Amino acid sequence: MPRLLATLAAGAATRAAAAMSAAALIAACTAAVPPPTPPSAEALRDRAVATLRDLSSVHFTVSHEAGGTDLGGGLTLLTAEGDALFPDRAELSALTVVESAGINLSLGIVQIARDTYVRDPVSRIWREAEPGTLPFNFVGMHDSLADALAATTGLALTDGGERDGVATFLLSGTVAARAFAGLVPGALEGSVLRIDAWIGREDALPRSIRLAGALLAGDPPEMVRLMALRDFNAPVTVEPPL
């Protein structure tokens, strides 16, 4: 019996030593694997440009940290939300305010190629708008955003945390306002914006974009616009309302 107990004890000690060695080996191997190296700011920018140009559709929202965008006729755009179907269609709802009366109005807007349709907020009747009536054109926004990112300089890359549950990098830099001419035809000459873009670590899709500075005539220097993007390449239908 003593000999049996000694044998069992020796076996247990051997197994424990083997387990400890295996654990140490696993720990050493784990420690030897370095964390993934982040891409350079330029490499991430280039990937984001490519993914934007490849989009077939996107859901977007536009807002302001304060104030809004002058639409003319006493109307100020506060927020806009809709879908863009590339290459040439967009449909959105715009929340505006009549500055002189402090009354909020919701406009329906459909843009198809060069044609723009606006739904009267009171009569709810759709009418075709004259070219240039609106200061923005969402039909090719993917290419316009790609153009702007491609033109961004002074790039810096940091951890962006999560956006809509997606791990992101924060890409920051400066860009000429005119780089957004595809989205905002009246973008100012000579104005430079600060741009911050939260870009998915895995798919390189921009989830959020922050623009600080004067983009349009009449913007205060401290104007900040925010854009959020989601539902990439989802099925979307946009038809003329007339």
C-alpha atoms as a PDB file:
ATOM      1  CA  MET A   1       0.000   0.000   0.000  1.00  0.00           C
ATOM      2  CA  PRO A   2       2.733   2.567   0.804  1.00  0.00           C
ATOM      3  CA  ARG A   3       4.332   1.757  -2.527  1.00  0.00           C
ATOM      4  CA  LEU A   4       0.999   2.274  -4.347  1.00  0.00           C
ATOM      5  CA  LEU A   5       0.414   5.624  -2.637  1.00  0.00           C
ATOM      6  CA  ALA A   6       3.907   6.706  -3.558  1.00  0.00           C
ATOM      7  CA  THR A   7       3.319   5.725  -7.179  1.00  0.00           C
ATOM      8  CA  LEU A   8       0.027   7.623  -7.302  1.00  0.00           C
ATOM      9  CA  ALA A   9       1.619  10.677  -5.736  1.00  0.00           C
ATOM     10  CA  ALA A  10       4.465  10.588  -8.214  1.00  0.00           C
ATOM     11  CA  GLY A  11       2.018  10.316 -11.123  1.00  0.00           C
ATOM     12  CA  ALA A  12      -0.001  13.261  -9.860  1.00  0.00           C
ATOM     13  CA  ALA A  13       3.121  15.342  -9.488  1.00  0.00           C
ATOM     14  CA  THR A  14       4.184  14.456 -13.042  1.00  0.00           C
ATOM     15  CA  ARG A  15       0.780  15.407 -14.444  1.00  0.00           C
ATOM     16  CA  ALA A  16       0.783  18.691 -12.517  1.00  0.00           C
ATOM     17  CA  ALA A  17       4.242  19.517 -13.793  1.00  0.00           C
ATOM     18  CA  ALA A  18       3.142  18.733 -17.357  1.00  0.00           C
ATOM     19  CA  ALA A  19       0.075  20.934 -16.997  1.00  0.00           C
ATOM     20  CA  MET A  20       2.193  23.788 -15.643  1.00  0.00           C
ATOM     21  CA  SER A  21       4.631  23.405 -18.533  1.00  0.00           C
ATOM     22  CA  ALA A  22       1.785  23.456 -21.071  1.00  0.00           C
ATOM     23  CA  ALA A  23       0.287  26.555 -19.454  1.00  0.00           C
ATOM     24  CA  ALA A  24       3.669  28.270 -19.492  1.00  0.00           C
ATOM     25  CA  LEU A  25       4.139  27.336 -23.156  1.00  0.00           C
ATOM     26  CA  ILE A  26       0.710  28.714 -24.093  1.00  0.00           C
ATOM     27  CA  ALA A  27       1.383  31.918 -22.184  1.00  0.00           C
ATOM     28  CA  ALA A  28       4.759  32.290 -23.888  1.00  0.00           C
ATOM     29  CA  CYS A  29       3.238  31.741 -27.314  1.00  0.00           C
ATOM     30  CA  THR A  30       0.435  34.204 -26.567  1.00  0.00           C
ATOM     31  CA  ALA A  31       2.884  36.811 -25.355  1.00  0.00           C
ATOM     32  CA  ALA A  32       5.010  36.261 -28.461  1.00  0.00           C
ATOM     33  CA  VAL A  33       2.144  37.256 -30.804  1.00  0.00           C
ATOM     34  CA  PRO A  34       2.208  41.053 -31.137  1.00  0.00           C
ATOM     35  CA  PRO A  35      -1.058  42.997 -31.526  1.00  0.00           C
ATOM     36  CA  PRO A  36      -2.015  43.876 -35.105  1.00  0.00           C
ATOM     37  CA  THR A  37      -0.110  46.852 -36.429  1.00  0.00           C
ATOM     38  CA  PRO A  38      -2.471  49.740 -37.214  1.00  0.00           C
ATOM     39  CA  PRO A  39      -2.394  50.899 -40.833  1.00  0.00           C
ATOM     40  CA  SER A  40      -0.830  54.211 -41.695  1.00  0.00           C
ATOM     41  CA  ALA A  41      -3.203  57.159 -41.884  1.00  0.00           C
ATOM     42  CA  GLU A  42      -2.617  57.369 -45.623  1.00  0.00           C
ATOM     43  CA  ALA A  43      -3.311  53.659 -46.159  1.00  0.00           C
ATOM     44  CA  LEU A  44      -6.584  53.824 -44.212  1.00  0.00           C
ATOM     45  CA  ARG A  45      -7.601  56.972 -46.080  1.00  0.00           C
ATOM     46  CA  ASP A  46      -6.996  55.251 -49.411  1.00  0.00           C
ATOM     47  CA  ARG A  47      -9.032  52.194 -48.354  1.00  0.00           C
ATOM     48  CA  ALA A  48     -11.897  54.422 -47.221  1.00  0.00           C
ATOM     49  CA  VAL A  49     -11.839  56.271 -50.549  1.00  0.00           C
ATOM     50  CA  ALA A  50     -12.063  52.958 -52.419  1.00  0.00           C
ATOM     51  CA  THR A  51     -14.918  51.592 -50.277  1.00  0.00           C
ATOM     52  CA  LEU A  52     -16.902  54.811 -50.690  1.00  0.00           C
ATOM     53  CA  ARG A  53     -16.608  54.727 -54.469  1.00  0.00           C
ATOM     54  CA  ASP A  54     -17.810  51.100 -54.506  1.00  0.00           C
ATOM     55  CA  LEU A  55     -21.035  51.784 -52.593  1.00  0.00           C
ATOM     56  CA  SER A  56     -24.387  51.117 -54.256  1.00  0.00           C
ATOM     57  CA  SER A  57     -26.449  52.847 -51.549  1.00  0.00           C
ATOM     58  CA  VAL A  58     -26.217  54.368 -48.071  1.00  0.00           C
ATOM     59  CA  HIS A  59     -28.498  55.793 -45.381  1.00  0.00           C
ATOM     60  CA  PHE A  60     -27.345  59.190 -44.139  1.00  0.00           C
ATOM     61  CA  THR A  61     -28.154  61.840 -41.576  1.00  0.00           C
ATOM     62  CA  VAL A  62     -26.847  65.406 -41.535  1.00  0.00           C
ATOM     63  CA  SER A  63     -27.014  67.710 -38.523  1.00  0.00           C
ATOM     64  CA  HIS A  64     -25.283  70.700 -36.945  1.00  0.00           C
ATOM     65  CA  GLU A  65     -23.726  71.158 -33.532  1.00  0.00           C
ATOM     66  CA  ALA A  66     -25.385  74.581 -33.463  1.00  0.00           C
ATOM     67  CA  GLY A  67     -27.418  76.625 -35.922  1.00  0.00           C
ATOM     68  CA  GLY A  68     -28.059  75.333 -39.418  1.00  0.00           C
ATOM     69  CA  THR A  69     -27.526  75.754 -43.145  1.00  0.00           C
ATOM     70  CA  ASP A  70     -29.216  78.673 -44.917  1.00  0.00           C
ATOM     71  CA  LEU A  71     -31.537  77.361 -47.657  1.00  0.00           C
ATOM     72  CA  GLY A  72     -32.647  80.805 -48.778  1.00  0.00           C
ATOM     73  CA  GLY A  73     -36.117  82.276 -48.567  1.00  0.00           C
ATOM     74  CA  GLY A  74     -35.863  82.558 -44.783  1.00  0.00           C
ATOM     75  CA  LEU A  75     -35.482  78.785 -44.335  1.00  0.00           C
ATOM     76  CA  THR A  76     -32.670  77.193 -42.333  1.00  0.00           C
ATOM     77  CA  LEU A  77     -31.868  73.492 -42.569  1.00  0.00           C
ATOM     78  CA  LEU A  78     -31.477  71.888 -39.142  1.00  0.00           C
ATOM     79  CA  THR A  79     -31.280  68.184 -39.981  1.00  0.00           C
ATOM     80  CA  ALA A  80     -31.695  65.902 -42.966  1.00  0.00           C
ATOM     81  CA  GLU A  81     -32.086  62.145 -43.189  1.00  0.00           C
ATOM     82  CA  GLY A  82     -32.527  59.884 -46.151  1.00  0.00           C
ATOM     83  CA  ASP A  83     -31.131  57.337 -48.574  1.00  0.00           C
ATOM     84  CA  ALA A  84     -28.853  57.758 -51.540  1.00  0.00           C
ATOM     85  CA  LEU A  85     -28.972  55.236 -54.385  1.00  0.00           C
ATOM     86  CA  PHE A  86     -25.927  55.506 -56.592  1.00  0.00           C
ATOM     87  CA  PRO A  87     -25.069  56.666 -59.107  1.00  0.00           C
ATOM     88  CA  ASP A  88     -27.789  59.304 -59.392  1.00  0.00           C
ATOM     89  CA  ARG A  89     -30.710  59.134 -56.918  1.00  0.00           C
ATOM     90  CA  ALA A  90     -31.476  60.337 -53.390  1.00  0.00           C
ATOM     91  CA  GLU A  91     -34.556  60.771 -51.221  1.00  0.00           C
ATOM     92  CA  LEU A  92     -34.600  62.595 -47.904  1.00  0.00           C
ATOM     93  CA  SER A  93     -36.634  64.433 -45.306  1.00  0.00           C
ATOM     94  CA  ALA A  94     -35.306  67.800 -44.169  1.00  0.00           C
ATOM     95  CA  LEU A  95     -36.274  69.514 -40.925  1.00  0.00           C
ATOM     96  CA  THR A  96     -36.144  73.274 -41.407  1.00  0.00           C
ATOM     97  CA  VAL A  97     -37.048  76.354 -39.412  1.00  0.00           C
ATOM     98  CA  VAL A  98     -38.596  79.620 -40.633  1.00  0.00           C
ATOM     99  CA  GLU A  99     -36.257  81.983 -38.811  1.00  0.00           C
ATOM    100  CA  SER A 100     -38.605  84.968 -38.792  1.00  0.00           C
ATOM    101  CA  ALA A 101     -41.435  82.997 -37.180  1.00  0.00           C
ATOM    102  CA  GLY A 102     -39.575  80.262 -35.355  1.00  0.00           C
ATOM    103  CA  ILE A 103     -41.763  77.632 -37.042  1.00  0.00           C
ATOM    104  CA  ASN A 104     -40.389  74.196 -37.925  1.00  0.00           C
ATOM    105  CA  LEU A 105     -41.304  72.710 -41.303  1.00  0.00           C
ATOM    106  CA  SER A 106     -40.500  69.299 -42.740  1.00  0.00           C
ATOM    107  CA  LEU A 107     -39.626  69.135 -46.445  1.00  0.00           C
ATOM    108  CA  GLY A 108     -39.659  66.024 -48.573  1.00  0.00           C
ATOM    109  CA  ILE A 109     -36.924  66.055 -51.215  1.00  0.00           C
ATOM    110  CA  VAL A 110     -36.192  63.715 -54.119  1.00  0.00           C
ATOM    111  CA  GLN A 111     -33.149  64.217 -56.338  1.00  0.00           C
ATOM    112  CA  ILE A 112     -32.745  62.235 -59.558  1.00  0.00           C
ATOM    113  CA  ALA A 113     -29.788  63.126 -61.725  1.00  0.00           C
ATOM    114  CA  ARG A 114     -30.220  66.861 -62.438  1.00  0.00           C
ATOM    115  CA  ASP A 115     -33.861  66.987 -61.349  1.00  0.00           C
ATOM    116  CA  THR A 116     -34.977  68.003 -57.859  1.00  0.00           C
ATOM    117  CA  TYR A 117     -38.483  67.636 -56.435  1.00  0.00           C
ATOM    118  CA  VAL A 118     -39.663  69.266 -53.213  1.00  0.00           C
ATOM    119  CA  ARG A 119     -42.858  68.478 -51.297  1.00  0.00           C
ATOM    120  CA  ASP A 120     -44.587  71.587 -49.984  1.00  0.00           C
ATOM    121  CA  PRO A 121     -44.722  71.295 -46.175  1.00  0.00           C
ATOM    122  CA  VAL A 122     -48.236  72.769 -46.015  1.00  0.00           C
ATOM    123  CA  SER A 123     -50.092  71.440 -49.065  1.00  0.00           C
ATOM    124  CA  ARG A 124     -47.997  68.224 -49.220  1.00  0.00           C
ATOM    125  CA  ILE A 125     -47.917  68.637 -52.992  1.00  0.00           C
ATOM    126  CA  TRP A 126     -44.746  67.714 -54.884  1.00  0.00           C
ATOM    127  CA  ARG A 127     -43.281  70.290 -57.253  1.00  0.00           C
ATOM    128  CA  GLU A 128     -40.197  70.308 -59.431  1.00  0.00           C
ATOM    129  CA  ALA A 129     -37.629  72.810 -58.173  1.00  0.00           C
ATOM    130  CA  GLU A 130     -35.446  75.023 -60.311  1.00  0.00           C
ATOM    131  CA  PRO A 131     -31.826  73.851 -60.676  1.00  0.00           C
ATOM    132  CA  GLY A 132     -29.676  75.239 -57.881  1.00  0.00           C
ATOM    133  CA  THR A 133     -32.633  75.777 -55.531  1.00  0.00           C
ATOM    134  CA  LEU A 134     -30.985  73.656 -52.832  1.00  0.00           C
ATOM    135  CA  PRO A 135     -27.401  74.089 -51.637  1.00  0.00           C
ATOM    136  CA  PHE A 136     -26.714  70.343 -51.604  1.00  0.00           C
ATOM    137  CA  ASN A 137     -26.857  67.433 -54.026  1.00  0.00           C
ATOM    138  CA  PHE A 138     -26.862  63.979 -52.444  1.00  0.00           C
ATOM    139  CA  VAL A 139     -27.092  61.918 -55.636  1.00  0.00           C
ATOM    140  CA  GLY A 140     -23.329  61.393 -55.866  1.00  0.00           C
ATOM    141  CA  MET A 141     -22.406  61.898 -52.245  1.00  0.00           C
ATOM    142  CA  HIS A 142     -20.255  58.764 -52.124  1.00  0.00           C
ATOM    143  CA  ASP A 143     -17.924  60.129 -54.807  1.00  0.00           C
ATOM    144  CA  SER A 144     -17.945  63.610 -53.248  1.00  0.00           C
ATOM    145  CA  LEU A 145     -16.969  62.239 -49.834  1.00  0.00           C
ATOM    146  CA  ALA A 146     -14.320  60.080 -51.487  1.00  0.00           C
ATOM    147  CA  ASP A 147     -12.944  63.127 -53.329  1.00  0.00           C
ATOM    148  CA  ALA A 148     -12.782  65.082 -50.068  1.00  0.00           C
ATOM    149  CA  LEU A 149     -11.013  62.306 -48.178  1.00  0.00           C
ATOM    150  CA  ALA A 150      -8.559  61.853 -51.034  1.00  0.00           C
ATOM    151  CA  ALA A 151      -7.742  65.581 -50.836  1.00  0.00           C
ATOM    152  CA  THR A 152      -7.317  65.631 -47.041  1.00  0.00           C
ATOM    153  CA  THR A 153      -3.852  66.543 -45.794  1.00  0.00           C
ATOM    154  CA  GLY A 154      -2.052  66.646 -42.443  1.00  0.00           C
ATOM    155  CA  LEU A 155      -3.467  63.232 -41.603  1.00  0.00           C
ATOM    156  CA  ALA A 156      -3.436  61.778 -38.094  1.00  0.00           C
ATOM    157  CA  LEU A 157      -4.772  58.393 -36.966  1.00  0.00           C
ATOM    158  CA  THR A 158      -6.004  57.483 -33.476  1.00  0.00           C
ATOM    159  CA  ASP A 159      -8.404  55.046 -31.841  1.00  0.00           C
ATOM    160  CA  GLY A 160     -11.977  56.058 -32.642  1.00  0.00           C
ATOM    161  CA  GLY A 161     -13.797  53.820 -30.177  1.00  0.00           C
ATOM    162  CA  GLU A 162     -17.100  52.396 -31.411  1.00  0.00           C
ATOM    163  CA  ARG A 163     -19.700  53.821 -33.764  1.00  0.00           C
ATOM    164  CA  ASP A 164     -22.958  51.851 -34.046  1.00  0.00           C
ATOM    165  CA  GLY A 165     -21.217  48.917 -32.379  1.00  0.00           C
ATOM    166  CA  VAL A 166     -18.330  48.946 -34.874  1.00  0.00           C
ATOM    167  CA  ALA A 167     -14.717  49.445 -33.791  1.00  0.00           C
ATOM    168  CA  THR A 168     -13.259  52.444 -35.619  1.00  0.00           C
ATOM    169  CA  PHE A 169     -10.153  54.459 -36.249  1.00  0.00           C
ATOM    170  CA  LEU A 170     -10.402  58.251 -36.083  1.00  0.00           C
ATOM    171  CA  LEU A 171      -8.805  59.827 -39.147  1.00  0.00           C
ATOM    172  CA  SER A 172      -8.244  63.589 -38.840  1.00  0.00           C
ATOM    173  CA  GLY A 173      -6.851  66.268 -41.103  1.00  0.00           C
ATOM    174  CA  THR A 174      -7.660  69.406 -43.085  1.00  0.00           C
ATOM    175  CA  VAL A 175      -9.356  69.749 -46.454  1.00  0.00           C
ATOM    176  CA  ALA A 176     -10.362  72.578 -48.782  1.00  0.00           C
ATOM    177  CA  ALA A 177     -14.079  73.319 -48.740  1.00  0.00           C
ATOM    178  CA  ARG A 178     -14.147  73.095 -52.546  1.00  0.00           C
ATOM    179  CA  ALA A 179     -13.298  69.391 -52.273  1.00  0.00           C
ATOM    180  CA  PHE A 180     -16.984  68.931 -51.344  1.00  0.00           C
ATOM    181  CA  ALA A 181     -18.243  70.641 -54.522  1.00  0.00           C
ATOM    182  CA  GLY A 182     -19.954  67.455 -55.693  1.00  0.00           C
ATOM    183  CA  LEU A 183     -22.123  67.392 -52.569  1.00  0.00           C
ATOM    184  CA  VAL A 184     -22.254  71.154 -51.979  1.00  0.00           C
ATOM    185  CA  PRO A 185     -21.922  72.928 -55.361  1.00  0.00           C
ATOM    186  CA  GLY A 186     -21.576  76.344 -53.696  1.00  0.00           C
ATOM    187  CA  ALA A 187     -18.713  75.277 -51.431  1.00  0.00           C
ATOM    188  CA  LEU A 188     -16.463  78.241 -50.679  1.00  0.00           C
ATOM    189  CA  GLU A 189     -13.232  78.975 -52.477  1.00  0.00           C
ATOM    190  CA  GLY A 190     -10.311  79.516 -50.138  1.00  0.00           C
ATOM    191  CA  SER A 191     -11.946  78.035 -47.037  1.00  0.00           C
ATOM    192  CA  VAL A 192     -10.253  75.158 -45.202  1.00  0.00           C
ATOM    193  CA  LEU A 193     -12.151  72.707 -43.005  1.00  0.00           C
ATOM    194  CA  ARG A 194     -11.102  70.455 -40.180  1.00  0.00           C
ATOM    195  CA  ILE A 195     -12.340  66.933 -40.919  1.00  0.00           C
ATOM    196  CA  ASP A 196     -12.670  64.022 -38.492  1.00  0.00           C
ATOM    197  CA  ALA A 197     -13.809  60.681 -39.912  1.00  0.00           C
ATOM    198  CA  TRP A 198     -14.609  57.595 -37.841  1.00  0.00           C
ATOM    199  CA  ILE A 199     -13.745  54.677 -40.125  1.00  0.00           C
ATOM    200  CA  GLY A 200     -14.450  50.986 -39.512  1.00  0.00           C
ATOM    201  CA  ARG A 201     -11.299  49.080 -38.597  1.00  0.00           C
ATOM    202  CA  GLU A 202     -12.323  45.995 -40.572  1.00  0.00           C
ATOM    203  CA  ASP A 203     -14.296  47.325 -43.545  1.00  0.00           C
ATOM    204  CA  ALA A 204     -12.825  50.860 -43.899  1.00  0.00           C
ATOM    205  CA  LEU A 205     -16.318  52.347 -44.222  1.00  0.00           C
ATOM    206  CA  PRO A 206     -16.814  55.825 -42.724  1.00  0.00           C
ATOM    207  CA  ARG A 207     -19.471  55.692 -40.012  1.00  0.00           C
ATOM    208  CA  SER A 208     -19.345  59.325 -38.952  1.00  0.00           C
ATOM    209  CA  ILE A 209     -17.832  62.537 -40.329  1.00  0.00           C
ATOM    210  CA  ARG A 210     -17.390  65.870 -38.557  1.00  0.00           C
ATOM    211  CA  LEU A 211     -16.656  69.040 -40.541  1.00  0.00           C
ATOM    212  CA  ALA A 212     -15.600  72.194 -38.725  1.00  0.00           C
ATOM    213  CA  GLY A 213     -15.371  75.504 -40.543  1.00  0.00           C
ATOM    214  CA  ALA A 214     -17.135  77.571 -43.195  1.00  0.00           C
ATOM    215  CA  LEU A 215     -18.376  75.404 -46.043  1.00  0.00           C
ATOM    216  CA  LEU A 216     -20.885  77.854 -47.559  1.00  0.00           C
ATOM    217  CA  ALA A 217     -21.143  81.613 -47.824  1.00  0.00           C
ATOM    218  CA  GLY A 218     -22.760  82.904 -44.664  1.00  0.00           C
ATOM    219  CA  ASP A 219     -21.385  80.118 -42.463  1.00  0.00           C
ATOM    220  CA  PRO A 220     -19.718  81.354 -39.280  1.00  0.00           C
ATOM    221  CA  PRO A 221     -16.090  80.220 -38.914  1.00  0.00           C
ATOM    222  CA  GLU A 222     -17.097  77.976 -36.009  1.00  0.00           C
ATOM    223  CA  MET A 223     -19.815  76.106 -37.968  1.00  0.00           C
ATOM    224  CA  VAL A 224     -19.754  72.341 -37.335  1.00  0.00           C
ATOM    225  CA  ARG A 225     -21.643  69.844 -39.486  1.00  0.00           C
ATOM    226  CA  LEU A 226     -22.071  66.175 -38.628  1.00  0.00           C
ATOM    227  CA  MET A 227     -22.800  63.309 -40.982  1.00  0.00           C
ATOM    228  CA  ALA A 228     -23.607  59.724 -39.994  1.00  0.00           C
ATOM    229  CA  LEU A 229     -23.645  56.841 -42.473  1.00  0.00           C
ATOM    230  CA  ARG A 230     -25.127  53.354 -42.108  1.00  0.00           C
ATOM    231  CA  ASP A 231     -27.005  50.596 -43.975  1.00  0.00           C
ATOM    232  CA  PHE A 232     -24.317  50.380 -46.628  1.00  0.00           C
ATOM    233  CA  ASN A 233     -25.397  48.695 -49.893  1.00  0.00           C
ATOM    234  CA  ALA A 234     -28.909  47.986 -48.555  1.00  0.00           C
ATOM    235  CA  PRO A 235     -31.741  47.603 -51.095  1.00  0.00           C
ATOM    236  CA  VAL A 236     -33.154  51.078 -51.805  1.00  0.00           C
ATOM    237  CA  THR A 237     -35.786  52.347 -54.238  1.00  0.00           C
ATOM    238  CA  VAL A 238     -36.040  56.005 -55.228  1.00  0.00           C
ATOM    239  CA  GLU A 239     -38.655  57.021 -57.786  1.00  0.00           C
ATOM    240  CA  PRO A 240     -39.768  60.417 -59.161  1.00  0.00           C
ATOM    241  CA  PRO A 241     -42.750  61.692 -57.129  1.00  0.00           C
ATOM    242  CA  LEU A 242     -44.376  63.242 -60.215  1.00  0.00           C
END
